[in-house]
PDB file of all heavy atoms in Angstrom:
ATOM      1  N   GLY A   1       0.785  -1.227   0.000  1.00  0.00           N
ATOM      2  CA  GLY A   1       0.000   0.000   0.000  1.00  0.00           C
ATOM      3  C   GLY A   1       0.814   1.272   0.000  1.00  0.00           C
ATOM      4  O   GLY A   1       0.262   2.375   0.158  1.00  0.00           O
ATOM      5  N   GLU A   2       2.123   1.162  -0.183  1.00  0.00           N
ATOM      6  CA  GLU A   2       2.999   2.332  -0.139  1.00  0.00           C
ATOM      7  C   GLU A   2       3.356   2.786  -1.549  1.00  0.00           C
ATOM      8  O   GLU A   2       3.277   2.016  -2.509  1.00  0.00           O
ATOM      9  CB  GLU A   2       4.279   2.001   0.633  1.00  0.00           C
ATOM     10  CG  GLU A   2       4.038   1.633   2.093  1.00  0.00           C
ATOM     11  CD  GLU A   2       5.326   1.261   2.811  1.00  0.00           C
ATOM     12  OE1 GLU A   2       6.396   1.239   2.136  1.00  0.00           O
ATOM     13  OE2 GLU A   2       5.269   0.974   4.006  1.00  0.00           O
ATOM     14  N   LEU A   3       3.759   4.050  -1.649  1.00  0.00           N
ATOM     15  CA  LEU A   3       4.232   4.550  -2.931  1.00  0.00           C
ATOM     16  C   LEU A   3       5.514   3.823  -3.315  1.00  0.00           C
ATOM     17  O   LEU A   3       6.366   3.545  -2.463  1.00  0.00           O
ATOM     18  CB  LEU A   3       4.506   6.055  -2.863  1.00  0.00           C
ATOM     19  CG  LEU A   3       3.304   6.980  -2.693  1.00  0.00           C
ATOM     20  CD1 LEU A   3       3.771   8.436  -2.621  1.00  0.00           C
ATOM     21  CD2 LEU A   3       2.308   6.812  -3.837  1.00  0.00           C
ATOM     22  N   VAL A   4       5.638   3.482  -4.594  1.00  0.00           N
ATOM     23  CA  VAL A   4       6.868   2.859  -5.080  1.00  0.00           C
ATOM     24  C   VAL A   4       8.001   3.857  -4.941  1.00  0.00           C
ATOM     25  O   VAL A   4       7.896   4.999  -5.388  1.00  0.00           O
ATOM     26  CB  VAL A   4       6.717   2.419  -6.548  1.00  0.00           C
ATOM     27  CG1 VAL A   4       8.035   1.869  -7.084  1.00  0.00           C
ATOM     28  CG2 VAL A   4       5.616   1.371  -6.668  1.00  0.00           C
ATOM     29  N   HIS A   5       9.062   3.432  -4.303  1.00  0.00           N
ATOM     30  CA  HIS A   5      10.142   4.356  -3.959  1.00  0.00           C
ATOM     31  C   HIS A   5      10.854   4.898  -5.184  1.00  0.00           C
ATOM     32  O   HIS A   5      11.222   4.162  -6.091  1.00  0.00           O
ATOM     33  CB  HIS A   5      11.176   3.667  -3.059  1.00  0.00           C
ATOM     34  CG  HIS A   5      12.377   4.507  -2.752  1.00  0.00           C
ATOM     35  ND1 HIS A   5      12.314   5.596  -1.916  1.00  0.00           N
ATOM     36  CD2 HIS A   5      13.652   4.444  -3.197  1.00  0.00           C
ATOM     37  CE1 HIS A   5      13.517   6.154  -1.828  1.00  0.00           C
ATOM     38  NE2 HIS A   5      14.346   5.473  -2.604  1.00  0.00           N
ATOM     39  N   ARG A   6      11.016   6.203  -5.203  1.00  0.00           N
ATOM     40  CA  ARG A   6      11.875   6.897  -6.144  1.00  0.00           C
ATOM     41  C   ARG A   6      12.462   8.085  -5.413  1.00  0.00           C
ATOM     42  O   ARG A   6      11.809   8.664  -4.543  1.00  0.00           O
ATOM     43  CB  ARG A   6      11.115   7.387  -7.379  1.00  0.00           C
ATOM     44  CG  ARG A   6      10.880   6.322  -8.456  1.00  0.00           C
ATOM     45  CD  ARG A   6      12.187   5.868  -9.077  1.00  0.00           C
ATOM     46  NE  ARG A   6      11.997   4.946 -10.177  1.00  0.00           N
ATOM     47  CZ  ARG A   6      11.889   3.638 -10.046  1.00  0.00           C
ATOM     48  NH1 ARG A   6      11.922   3.097  -8.848  1.00  0.00           N
ATOM     49  NH2 ARG A   6      11.737   2.860 -11.088  1.00  0.00           N
ATOM     50  N   PRO A   7      13.702   8.486  -5.725  1.00  0.00           N
ATOM     51  CA  PRO A   7      14.280   9.654  -5.072  1.00  0.00           C
ATOM     52  C   PRO A   7      13.427  10.893  -5.307  1.00  0.00           C
ATOM     53  O   PRO A   7      12.647  10.952  -6.261  1.00  0.00           O
ATOM     54  CB  PRO A   7      15.649   9.791  -5.757  1.00  0.00           C
ATOM     55  CG  PRO A   7      15.920   8.453  -6.352  1.00  0.00           C
ATOM     56  CD  PRO A   7      14.591   7.888  -6.719  1.00  0.00           C
ATOM     57  N   SER A   8      13.563  11.885  -4.432  1.00  0.00           N
ATOM     58  CA  SER A   8      12.838  13.130  -4.627  1.00  0.00           C
ATOM     59  C   SER A   8      13.286  13.769  -5.938  1.00  0.00           C
ATOM     60  O   SER A   8      14.404  13.550  -6.403  1.00  0.00           O
ATOM     61  CB  SER A   8      13.098  14.091  -3.470  1.00  0.00           C
ATOM     62  OG  SER A   8      14.482  14.374  -3.352  1.00  0.00           O
ATOM     63  N   GLY A   9      12.398  14.547  -6.531  1.00  0.00           N
ATOM     64  CA  GLY A   9      12.709  15.149  -7.818  1.00  0.00           C
ATOM     65  C   GLY A   9      12.063  14.359  -8.944  1.00  0.00           C
ATOM     66  O   GLY A   9      11.336  13.401  -8.718  1.00  0.00           O
ATOM     67  N   PRO A  10      12.359  14.727 -10.164  1.00  0.00           N
ATOM     68  CA  PRO A  10      11.679  14.123 -11.324  1.00  0.00           C
ATOM     69  C   PRO A  10      12.286  12.803 -11.782  1.00  0.00           C
ATOM     70  O   PRO A  10      12.694  12.649 -12.929  1.00  0.00           O
ATOM     71  CB  PRO A  10      11.830  15.211 -12.390  1.00  0.00           C
ATOM     72  CG  PRO A  10      13.138  15.860 -12.058  1.00  0.00           C
ATOM     73  CD  PRO A  10      13.229  15.846 -10.551  1.00  0.00           C
ATOM     74  N   ALA A  11      12.401  11.828 -10.855  1.00  0.00           N
ATOM     75  CA  ALA A  11      12.939  10.514 -11.235  1.00  0.00           C
ATOM     76  C   ALA A  11      11.899   9.746 -12.033  1.00  0.00           C
ATOM     77  O   ALA A  11      10.712   9.793 -11.734  1.00  0.00           O
ATOM     78  CB  ALA A  11      13.357   9.740  -9.993  1.00  0.00           C
ATOM     79  N   LEU A  12      12.354   9.035 -13.036  1.00  0.00           N
ATOM     80  CA  LEU A  12      11.451   8.343 -13.953  1.00  0.00           C
ATOM     81  C   LEU A  12      11.030   6.985 -13.408  1.00  0.00           C
ATOM     82  O   LEU A  12      11.848   6.215 -12.930  1.00  0.00           O
ATOM     83  CB  LEU A  12      12.154   8.163 -15.303  1.00  0.00           C
ATOM     84  CG  LEU A  12      11.407   7.363 -16.384  1.00  0.00           C
ATOM     85  CD1 LEU A  12      10.096   8.030 -16.744  1.00  0.00           C
ATOM     86  CD2 LEU A  12      12.290   7.194 -17.616  1.00  0.00           C
ATOM     87  N   HIS A  13       9.721   6.684 -13.483  1.00  0.00           N
ATOM     88  CA  HIS A  13       9.196   5.356 -13.210  1.00  0.00           C
ATOM     89  C   HIS A  13       9.148   4.603 -14.536  1.00  0.00           C
ATOM     90  O   HIS A  13       8.298   4.865 -15.378  1.00  0.00           O
ATOM     91  CB  HIS A  13       7.780   5.440 -12.637  1.00  0.00           C
ATOM     92  CG  HIS A  13       7.717   5.652 -11.165  1.00  0.00           C
ATOM     93  ND1 HIS A  13       8.269   4.772 -10.259  1.00  0.00           N
ATOM     94  CD2 HIS A  13       7.162   6.642 -10.424  1.00  0.00           C
ATOM     95  CE1 HIS A  13       8.048   5.198  -9.034  1.00  0.00           C
ATOM     96  NE2 HIS A  13       7.388   6.335  -9.105  1.00  0.00           N
ATOM     97  N   GLY A  14      10.045   3.654 -14.739  1.00  0.00           N
ATOM     98  CA  GLY A  14      10.057   2.911 -15.995  1.00  0.00           C
ATOM     99  C   GLY A  14       8.810   2.084 -16.220  1.00  0.00           C
ATOM    100  O   GLY A  14       8.466   1.777 -17.357  1.00  0.00           O
ATOM    101  N   ALA A  15       8.104   1.731 -15.138  1.00  0.00           N
ATOM    102  CA  ALA A  15       6.927   0.883 -15.265  1.00  0.00           C
ATOM    103  C   ALA A  15       5.720   1.610 -15.830  1.00  0.00           C
ATOM    104  O   ALA A  15       4.772   0.968 -16.292  1.00  0.00           O
ATOM    105  CB  ALA A  15       6.563   0.284 -13.904  1.00  0.00           C
ATOM    106  N   THR A  16       5.736   2.942 -15.812  1.00  0.00           N
ATOM    107  CA  THR A  16       4.621   3.738 -16.331  1.00  0.00           C
ATOM    108  C   THR A  16       5.140   5.119 -16.725  1.00  0.00           C
ATOM    109  O   THR A  16       5.447   5.932 -15.852  1.00  0.00           O
ATOM    110  CB  THR A  16       3.507   3.914 -15.273  1.00  0.00           C
ATOM    111  OG1 THR A  16       3.095   2.637 -14.784  1.00  0.00           O
ATOM    112  CG2 THR A  16       2.303   4.638 -15.859  1.00  0.00           C
ATOM    113  N   PHE A  17       5.256   5.372 -18.031  1.00  0.00           N
ATOM    114  CA  PHE A  17       5.643   6.714 -18.461  1.00  0.00           C
ATOM    115  C   PHE A  17       5.168   6.979 -19.883  1.00  0.00           C
ATOM    116  O   PHE A  17       4.855   6.058 -20.637  1.00  0.00           O
ATOM    117  CB  PHE A  17       7.158   6.936 -18.333  1.00  0.00           C
ATOM    118  CG  PHE A  17       8.026   6.146 -19.276  1.00  0.00           C
ATOM    119  CD1 PHE A  17       8.472   6.699 -20.470  1.00  0.00           C
ATOM    120  CD2 PHE A  17       8.421   4.860 -18.958  1.00  0.00           C
ATOM    121  CE1 PHE A  17       9.295   5.987 -21.332  1.00  0.00           C
ATOM    122  CE2 PHE A  17       9.246   4.128 -19.815  1.00  0.00           C
ATOM    123  CZ  PHE A  17       9.685   4.696 -21.004  1.00  0.00           C
ATOM    124  N   VAL A  18       5.101   8.264 -20.228  1.00  0.00           N
ATOM    125  CA  VAL A  18       4.606   8.714 -21.523  1.00  0.00           C
ATOM    126  C   VAL A  18       5.688   9.543 -22.208  1.00  0.00           C
ATOM    127  O   VAL A  18       6.361  10.359 -21.558  1.00  0.00           O
ATOM    128  CB  VAL A  18       3.327   9.575 -21.375  1.00  0.00           C
ATOM    129  CG1 VAL A  18       2.706   9.861 -22.741  1.00  0.00           C
ATOM    130  CG2 VAL A  18       2.319   8.908 -20.457  1.00  0.00           C
ATOM    131  N   ILE A  19       5.840   9.352 -23.512  1.00  0.00           N
ATOM    132  CA  ILE A  19       6.862  10.071 -24.264  1.00  0.00           C
ATOM    133  C   ILE A  19       6.440  10.133 -25.732  1.00  0.00           C
ATOM    134  O   ILE A  19       5.808   9.208 -26.248  1.00  0.00           O
ATOM    135  CB  ILE A  19       8.238   9.359 -24.114  1.00  0.00           C
ATOM    136  CG1 ILE A  19       9.360  10.147 -24.785  1.00  0.00           C
ATOM    137  CG2 ILE A  19       8.171   7.926 -24.652  1.00  0.00           C
ATOM    138  CD1 ILE A  19      10.759   9.575 -24.483  1.00  0.00           C
ATOM    139  N   HIS A  20       6.749  11.239 -26.411  1.00  0.00           N
ATOM    140  CA  HIS A  20       6.524  11.301 -27.852  1.00  0.00           C
ATOM    141  C   HIS A  20       7.485  10.322 -28.542  1.00  0.00           C
ATOM    142  O   HIS A  20       8.649  10.192 -28.141  1.00  0.00           O
ATOM    143  CB  HIS A  20       6.778  12.711 -28.392  1.00  0.00           C
ATOM    144  CG  HIS A  20       5.676  13.674 -28.090  1.00  0.00           C
ATOM    145  ND1 HIS A  20       5.777  14.622 -27.096  1.00  0.00           N
ATOM    146  CD2 HIS A  20       4.453  13.842 -28.654  1.00  0.00           C
ATOM    147  CE1 HIS A  20       4.654  15.336 -27.063  1.00  0.00           C
ATOM    148  NE2 HIS A  20       3.836  14.868 -27.983  1.00  0.00           N
ATOM    149  N   LYS A  21       7.023   9.668 -29.574  1.00  0.00           N
ATOM    150  CA  LYS A  21       7.896   8.715 -30.267  1.00  0.00           C
ATOM    151  C   LYS A  21       9.100   9.427 -30.877  1.00  0.00           C
ATOM    152  O   LYS A  21      10.204   8.883 -30.885  1.00  0.00           O
ATOM    153  CB  LYS A  21       7.135   7.947 -31.340  1.00  0.00           C
ATOM    154  CG  LYS A  21       8.037   6.927 -32.039  1.00  0.00           C
ATOM    155  CD  LYS A  21       7.312   5.826 -32.750  1.00  0.00           C
ATOM    156  CE  LYS A  21       8.314   4.806 -33.283  1.00  0.00           C
ATOM    157  NZ  LYS A  21       7.678   3.666 -33.953  1.00  0.00           N
ATOM    158  N   LYS A  22       8.918  10.642 -31.368  1.00  0.00           N
ATOM    159  CA  LYS A  22      10.057  11.353 -31.955  1.00  0.00           C
ATOM    160  C   LYS A  22      11.121  11.635 -30.896  1.00  0.00           C
ATOM    161  O   LYS A  22      12.328  11.584 -31.183  1.00  0.00           O
ATOM    162  CB  LYS A  22       9.595  12.642 -32.628  1.00  0.00           C
ATOM    163  CG  LYS A  22       8.963  13.673 -31.711  1.00  0.00           C
ATOM    164  CD  LYS A  22       8.514  14.896 -32.489  1.00  0.00           C
ATOM    165  CE  LYS A  22       7.883  15.943 -31.573  1.00  0.00           C
ATOM    166  NZ  LYS A  22       7.419  17.138 -32.324  1.00  0.00           N
ATOM    167  N   THR A  23      10.680  11.903 -29.663  1.00  0.00           N
ATOM    168  CA  THR A  23      11.634  12.114 -28.572  1.00  0.00           C
ATOM    169  C   THR A  23      12.333  10.811 -28.224  1.00  0.00           C
ATOM    170  O   THR A  23      13.554  10.780 -28.024  1.00  0.00           O
ATOM    171  CB  THR A  23      10.916  12.678 -27.334  1.00  0.00           C
ATOM    172  OG1 THR A  23      10.191  13.856 -27.688  1.00  0.00           O
ATOM    173  CG2 THR A  23      11.904  13.003 -26.231  1.00  0.00           C
ATOM    174  N   TRP A  24      11.550   9.741 -28.141  1.00  0.00           N
ATOM    175  CA  TRP A  24      12.103   8.407 -27.879  1.00  0.00           C
ATOM    176  C   TRP A  24      13.169   8.051 -28.910  1.00  0.00           C
ATOM    177  O   TRP A  24      14.253   7.573 -28.569  1.00  0.00           O
ATOM    178  CB  TRP A  24      10.971   7.392 -27.895  1.00  0.00           C
ATOM    179  CG  TRP A  24      11.342   5.956 -27.783  1.00  0.00           C
ATOM    180  CD1 TRP A  24      11.441   5.057 -28.813  1.00  0.00           C
ATOM    181  CD2 TRP A  24      11.643   5.228 -26.588  1.00  0.00           C
ATOM    182  NE1 TRP A  24      11.776   3.817 -28.332  1.00  0.00           N
ATOM    183  CE2 TRP A  24      11.905   3.890 -26.966  1.00  0.00           C
ATOM    184  CE3 TRP A  24      11.701   5.572 -25.236  1.00  0.00           C
ATOM    185  CZ2 TRP A  24      12.231   2.899 -26.040  1.00  0.00           C
ATOM    186  CZ3 TRP A  24      12.027   4.588 -24.307  1.00  0.00           C
ATOM    187  CH2 TRP A  24      12.292   3.283 -24.717  1.00  0.00           C
ATOM    188  N   ASN A  25      12.875   8.306 -30.167  1.00  0.00           N
ATOM    189  CA  ASN A  25      13.828   7.987 -31.230  1.00  0.00           C
ATOM    190  C   ASN A  25      15.076   8.854 -31.148  1.00  0.00           C
ATOM    191  O   ASN A  25      16.194   8.377 -31.377  1.00  0.00           O
ATOM    192  CB  ASN A  25      13.161   8.147 -32.597  1.00  0.00           C
ATOM    193  CG  ASN A  25      12.142   7.056 -32.885  1.00  0.00           C
ATOM    194  OD1 ASN A  25      12.185   5.986 -32.289  1.00  0.00           O
ATOM    195  ND2 ASN A  25      11.227   7.325 -33.799  1.00  0.00           N
ATOM    196  N   ARG A  26      14.897  10.133 -30.854  1.00  0.00           N
ATOM    197  CA  ARG A  26      16.052  11.029 -30.750  1.00  0.00           C
ATOM    198  C   ARG A  26      16.984  10.613 -29.613  1.00  0.00           C
ATOM    199  O   ARG A  26      18.208  10.762 -29.720  1.00  0.00           O
ATOM    200  CB  ARG A  26      15.575  12.466 -30.534  1.00  0.00           C
ATOM    201  CG  ARG A  26      14.960  13.122 -31.769  1.00  0.00           C
ATOM    202  CD  ARG A  26      14.324  14.446 -31.407  1.00  0.00           C
ATOM    203  NE  ARG A  26      13.631  15.048 -32.557  1.00  0.00           N
ATOM    204  CZ  ARG A  26      12.747  16.033 -32.457  1.00  0.00           C
ATOM    205  NH1 ARG A  26      12.445  16.534 -31.259  1.00  0.00           N
ATOM    206  NH2 ARG A  26      12.179  16.523 -33.542  1.00  0.00           N
ATOM    207  N   LEU A  27      16.398  10.101 -28.532  1.00  0.00           N
ATOM    208  CA  LEU A  27      17.201   9.656 -27.392  1.00  0.00           C
ATOM    209  C   LEU A  27      17.775   8.262 -27.612  1.00  0.00           C
ATOM    210  O   LEU A  27      18.626   7.813 -26.848  1.00  0.00           O
ATOM    211  CB  LEU A  27      16.355   9.668 -26.115  1.00  0.00           C
ATOM    212  CG  LEU A  27      15.918  11.043 -25.617  1.00  0.00           C
ATOM    213  CD1 LEU A  27      14.924  10.901 -24.470  1.00  0.00           C
ATOM    214  CD2 LEU A  27      17.124  11.871 -25.169  1.00  0.00           C
ATOM    215  N   GLY A  28      17.301   7.585 -28.657  1.00  0.00           N
ATOM    216  CA  GLY A  28      17.803   6.242 -28.944  1.00  0.00           C
ATOM    217  C   GLY A  28      17.231   5.170 -28.041  1.00  0.00           C
ATOM    218  O   GLY A  28      17.842   4.103 -27.874  1.00  0.00           O
ATOM    219  N   GLY A  29      16.047   5.448 -27.473  1.00  0.00           N
ATOM    220  CA  GLY A  29      15.433   4.466 -26.583  1.00  0.00           C
ATOM    221  C   GLY A  29      16.252   4.270 -25.329  1.00  0.00           C
ATOM    222  O   GLY A  29      16.943   5.178 -24.856  1.00  0.00           O
ATOM    223  N   MET A  30      16.189   3.062 -24.781  1.00  0.00           N
ATOM    224  CA  MET A  30      16.920   2.748 -23.559  1.00  0.00           C
ATOM    225  C   MET A  30      18.227   2.033 -23.869  1.00  0.00           C
ATOM    226  O   MET A  30      18.353   1.369 -24.900  1.00  0.00           O
ATOM    227  CB  MET A  30      16.059   1.881 -22.632  1.00  0.00           C
ATOM    228  CG  MET A  30      14.905   2.626 -22.004  1.00  0.00           C
ATOM    229  SD  MET A  30      14.006   1.624 -20.796  1.00  0.00           S
ATOM    230  CE  MET A  30      13.128   2.928 -19.916  1.00  0.00           C
ATOM    231  N   LYS A  31      19.188   2.173 -22.980  1.00  0.00           N
ATOM    232  CA  LYS A  31      20.478   1.509 -23.122  1.00  0.00           C
ATOM    233  C   LYS A  31      20.349   0.054 -22.663  1.00  0.00           C
ATOM    234  O   LYS A  31      20.126  -0.224 -21.487  1.00  0.00           O
ATOM    235  CB  LYS A  31      21.544   2.230 -22.300  1.00  0.00           C
ATOM    236  CG  LYS A  31      21.788   3.680 -22.719  1.00  0.00           C
ATOM    237  CD  LYS A  31      22.355   3.772 -24.123  1.00  0.00           C
ATOM    238  CE  LYS A  31      22.716   5.206 -24.480  1.00  0.00           C
ATOM    239  NZ  LYS A  31      23.186   5.336 -25.873  1.00  0.00           N
ATOM    240  N   THR A  32      20.495  -0.865 -23.603  1.00  0.00           N
ATOM    241  CA  THR A  32      20.250  -2.277 -23.295  1.00  0.00           C
ATOM    242  C   THR A  32      21.364  -2.913 -22.458  1.00  0.00           C
ATOM    243  O   THR A  32      21.195  -4.034 -21.982  1.00  0.00           O
ATOM    244  CB  THR A  32      20.073  -3.079 -24.588  1.00  0.00           C
ATOM    245  OG1 THR A  32      21.239  -2.940 -25.410  1.00  0.00           O
ATOM    246  CG2 THR A  32      18.863  -2.574 -25.366  1.00  0.00           C
ATOM    247  N   LYS A  33      22.449  -2.211 -22.258  1.00  0.00           N
ATOM    248  CA  LYS A  33      23.517  -2.761 -21.417  1.00  0.00           C
ATOM    249  C   LYS A  33      23.130  -2.752 -19.949  1.00  0.00           C
ATOM    250  O   LYS A  33      23.752  -3.446 -19.134  1.00  0.00           O
ATOM    251  CB  LYS A  33      24.818  -1.982 -21.615  1.00  0.00           C
ATOM    252  CG  LYS A  33      24.760  -0.526 -21.159  1.00  0.00           C
ATOM    253  CD  LYS A  33      26.088   0.181 -21.404  1.00  0.00           C
ATOM    254  CE  LYS A  33      26.043   1.661 -20.961  1.00  0.00           C
ATOM    255  NZ  LYS A  33      27.337   2.327 -21.217  1.00  0.00           N
ATOM    256  N   TYR A  34      22.103  -1.975 -19.604  1.00  0.00           N
ATOM    257  CA  TYR A  34      21.667  -1.903 -18.219  1.00  0.00           C
ATOM    258  C   TYR A  34      20.561  -2.915 -17.955  1.00  0.00           C
ATOM    259  O   TYR A  34      19.522  -2.892 -18.607  1.00  0.00           O
ATOM    260  CB  TYR A  34      21.156  -0.503 -17.878  1.00  0.00           C
ATOM    261  CG  TYR A  34      22.201   0.580 -17.988  1.00  0.00           C
ATOM    262  CD1 TYR A  34      22.006   1.675 -18.825  1.00  0.00           C
ATOM    263  CD2 TYR A  34      23.381   0.507 -17.261  1.00  0.00           C
ATOM    264  CE1 TYR A  34      22.963   2.675 -18.928  1.00  0.00           C
ATOM    265  CE2 TYR A  34      24.351   1.492 -17.362  1.00  0.00           C
ATOM    266  CZ  TYR A  34      24.132   2.573 -18.200  1.00  0.00           C
ATOM    267  OH  TYR A  34      25.079   3.556 -18.305  1.00  0.00           O
ATOM    268  N   THR A  35      20.775  -3.802 -16.970  1.00  0.00           N
ATOM    269  CA  THR A  35      19.739  -4.738 -16.559  1.00  0.00           C
ATOM    270  C   THR A  35      18.859  -4.146 -15.473  1.00  0.00           C
ATOM    271  O   THR A  35      17.800  -4.690 -15.165  1.00  0.00           O
ATOM    272  CB  THR A  35      20.352  -6.054 -16.060  1.00  0.00           C
ATOM    273  OG1 THR A  35      21.240  -5.769 -14.967  1.00  0.00           O
ATOM    274  CG2 THR A  35      21.124  -6.736 -17.176  1.00  0.00           C
ATOM    275  N   THR A  36      19.264  -3.056 -14.884  1.00  0.00           N
ATOM    276  CA  THR A  36      18.472  -2.300 -13.937  1.00  0.00           C
ATOM    277  C   THR A  36      18.926  -0.847 -14.014  1.00  0.00           C
ATOM    278  O   THR A  36      20.051  -0.556 -14.437  1.00  0.00           O
ATOM    279  CB  THR A  36      18.638  -2.840 -12.501  1.00  0.00           C
ATOM    280  OG1 THR A  36      17.721  -2.171 -11.633  1.00  0.00           O
ATOM    281  CG2 THR A  36      20.051  -2.631 -11.990  1.00  0.00           C
ATOM    282  N   GLY A  37      18.042   0.069 -13.649  1.00  0.00           N
ATOM    283  CA  GLY A  37      18.404   1.478 -13.711  1.00  0.00           C
ATOM    284  C   GLY A  37      18.319   2.069 -15.104  1.00  0.00           C
ATOM    285  O   GLY A  37      18.723   3.219 -15.319  1.00  0.00           O
ATOM    286  N   GLU A  38      17.782   1.294 -16.058  1.00  0.00           N
ATOM    287  CA  GLU A  38      17.681   1.811 -17.426  1.00  0.00           C
ATOM    288  C   GLU A  38      16.729   2.997 -17.508  1.00  0.00           C
ATOM    289  O   GLU A  38      16.882   3.866 -18.369  1.00  0.00           O
ATOM    290  CB  GLU A  38      17.220   0.685 -18.369  1.00  0.00           C
ATOM    291  CG  GLU A  38      15.763   0.255 -18.252  1.00  0.00           C
ATOM    292  CD  GLU A  38      15.430  -0.517 -17.005  1.00  0.00           C
ATOM    293  OE1 GLU A  38      16.353  -1.098 -16.404  1.00  0.00           O
ATOM    294  OE2 GLU A  38      14.232  -0.553 -16.649  1.00  0.00           O
ATOM    295  N   ASP A  39      15.746   3.049 -16.597  1.00  0.00           N
ATOM    296  CA  ASP A  39      14.818   4.175 -16.583  1.00  0.00           C
ATOM    297  C   ASP A  39      15.492   5.431 -16.048  1.00  0.00           C
ATOM    298  O   ASP A  39      15.278   6.534 -16.574  1.00  0.00           O
ATOM    299  CB  ASP A  39      13.554   3.843 -15.776  1.00  0.00           C
ATOM    300  CG  ASP A  39      13.842   3.188 -14.439  1.00  0.00           C
ATOM    301  OD1 ASP A  39      15.022   2.952 -14.108  1.00  0.00           O
ATOM    302  OD2 ASP A  39      12.865   2.895 -13.710  1.00  0.00           O
ATOM    303  N   TYR A  40      16.318   5.288 -15.006  1.00  0.00           N
ATOM    304  CA  TYR A  40      17.073   6.431 -14.505  1.00  0.00           C
ATOM    305  C   TYR A  40      17.965   7.009 -15.598  1.00  0.00           C
ATOM    306  O   TYR A  40      18.055   8.221 -15.783  1.00  0.00           O
ATOM    307  CB  TYR A  40      17.946   6.025 -13.310  1.00  0.00           C
ATOM    308  CG  TYR A  40      17.198   5.781 -12.034  1.00  0.00           C
ATOM    309  CD1 TYR A  40      16.826   4.500 -11.657  1.00  0.00           C
ATOM    310  CD2 TYR A  40      16.871   6.838 -11.179  1.00  0.00           C
ATOM    311  CE1 TYR A  40      16.141   4.269 -10.487  1.00  0.00           C
ATOM    312  CE2 TYR A  40      16.194   6.618  -9.992  1.00  0.00           C
ATOM    313  CZ  TYR A  40      15.830   5.331  -9.647  1.00  0.00           C
ATOM    314  OH  TYR A  40      15.149   5.096  -8.484  1.00  0.00           O
ATOM    315  N   ASP A  41      18.647   6.122 -16.306  1.00  0.00           N
ATOM    316  CA  ASP A  41      19.551   6.559 -17.371  1.00  0.00           C
ATOM    317  C   ASP A  41      18.799   7.328 -18.459  1.00  0.00           C
ATOM    318  O   ASP A  41      19.265   8.378 -18.918  1.00  0.00           O
ATOM    319  CB  ASP A  41      20.250   5.346 -17.979  1.00  0.00           C
ATOM    320  CG  ASP A  41      21.060   5.705 -19.213  1.00  0.00           C
ATOM    321  OD1 ASP A  41      22.128   6.331 -19.071  1.00  0.00           O
ATOM    322  OD2 ASP A  41      20.596   5.381 -20.328  1.00  0.00           O
ATOM    323  N   LEU A  42      17.633   6.814 -18.861  1.00  0.00           N
ATOM    324  CA  LEU A  42      16.854   7.502 -19.887  1.00  0.00           C
ATOM    325  C   LEU A  42      16.457   8.894 -19.413  1.00  0.00           C
ATOM    326  O   LEU A  42      16.551   9.875 -20.171  1.00  0.00           O
ATOM    327  CB  LEU A  42      15.596   6.694 -20.230  1.00  0.00           C
ATOM    328  CG  LEU A  42      14.657   7.341 -21.246  1.00  0.00           C
ATOM    329  CD1 LEU A  42      15.320   7.441 -22.617  1.00  0.00           C
ATOM    330  CD2 LEU A  42      13.349   6.547 -21.353  1.00  0.00           C
ATOM    331  N   GLY A  43      16.021   8.993 -18.172  1.00  0.00           N
ATOM    332  CA  GLY A  43      15.633  10.292 -17.640  1.00  0.00           C
ATOM    333  C   GLY A  43      16.787  11.277 -17.613  1.00  0.00           C
ATOM    334  O   GLY A  43      16.631  12.450 -17.990  1.00  0.00           O
ATOM    335  N   LEU A  44      17.955  10.811 -17.193  1.00  0.00           N
ATOM    336  CA  LEU A  44      19.127  11.687 -17.147  1.00  0.00           C
ATOM    337  C   LEU A  44      19.532  12.147 -18.541  1.00  0.00           C
ATOM    338  O   LEU A  44      19.850  13.324 -18.760  1.00  0.00           O
ATOM    339  CB  LEU A  44      20.295  10.957 -16.473  1.00  0.00           C
ATOM    340  CG  LEU A  44      20.173  10.731 -14.968  1.00  0.00           C
ATOM    341  CD1 LEU A  44      21.309   9.840 -14.474  1.00  0.00           C
ATOM    342  CD2 LEU A  44      20.184  12.065 -14.224  1.00  0.00           C
TER     343      LEU A  44
END
């Protein structure tokens, strides 16, 4: 029943997020070398 933990500030929840496809493409999607933290990396 608790909020899923994320640091204060605009940290990305990889399990639920919205993005324009053109932005997604410009960023190159997610870095597949990361098995965890790939959402943090995309946000940064």
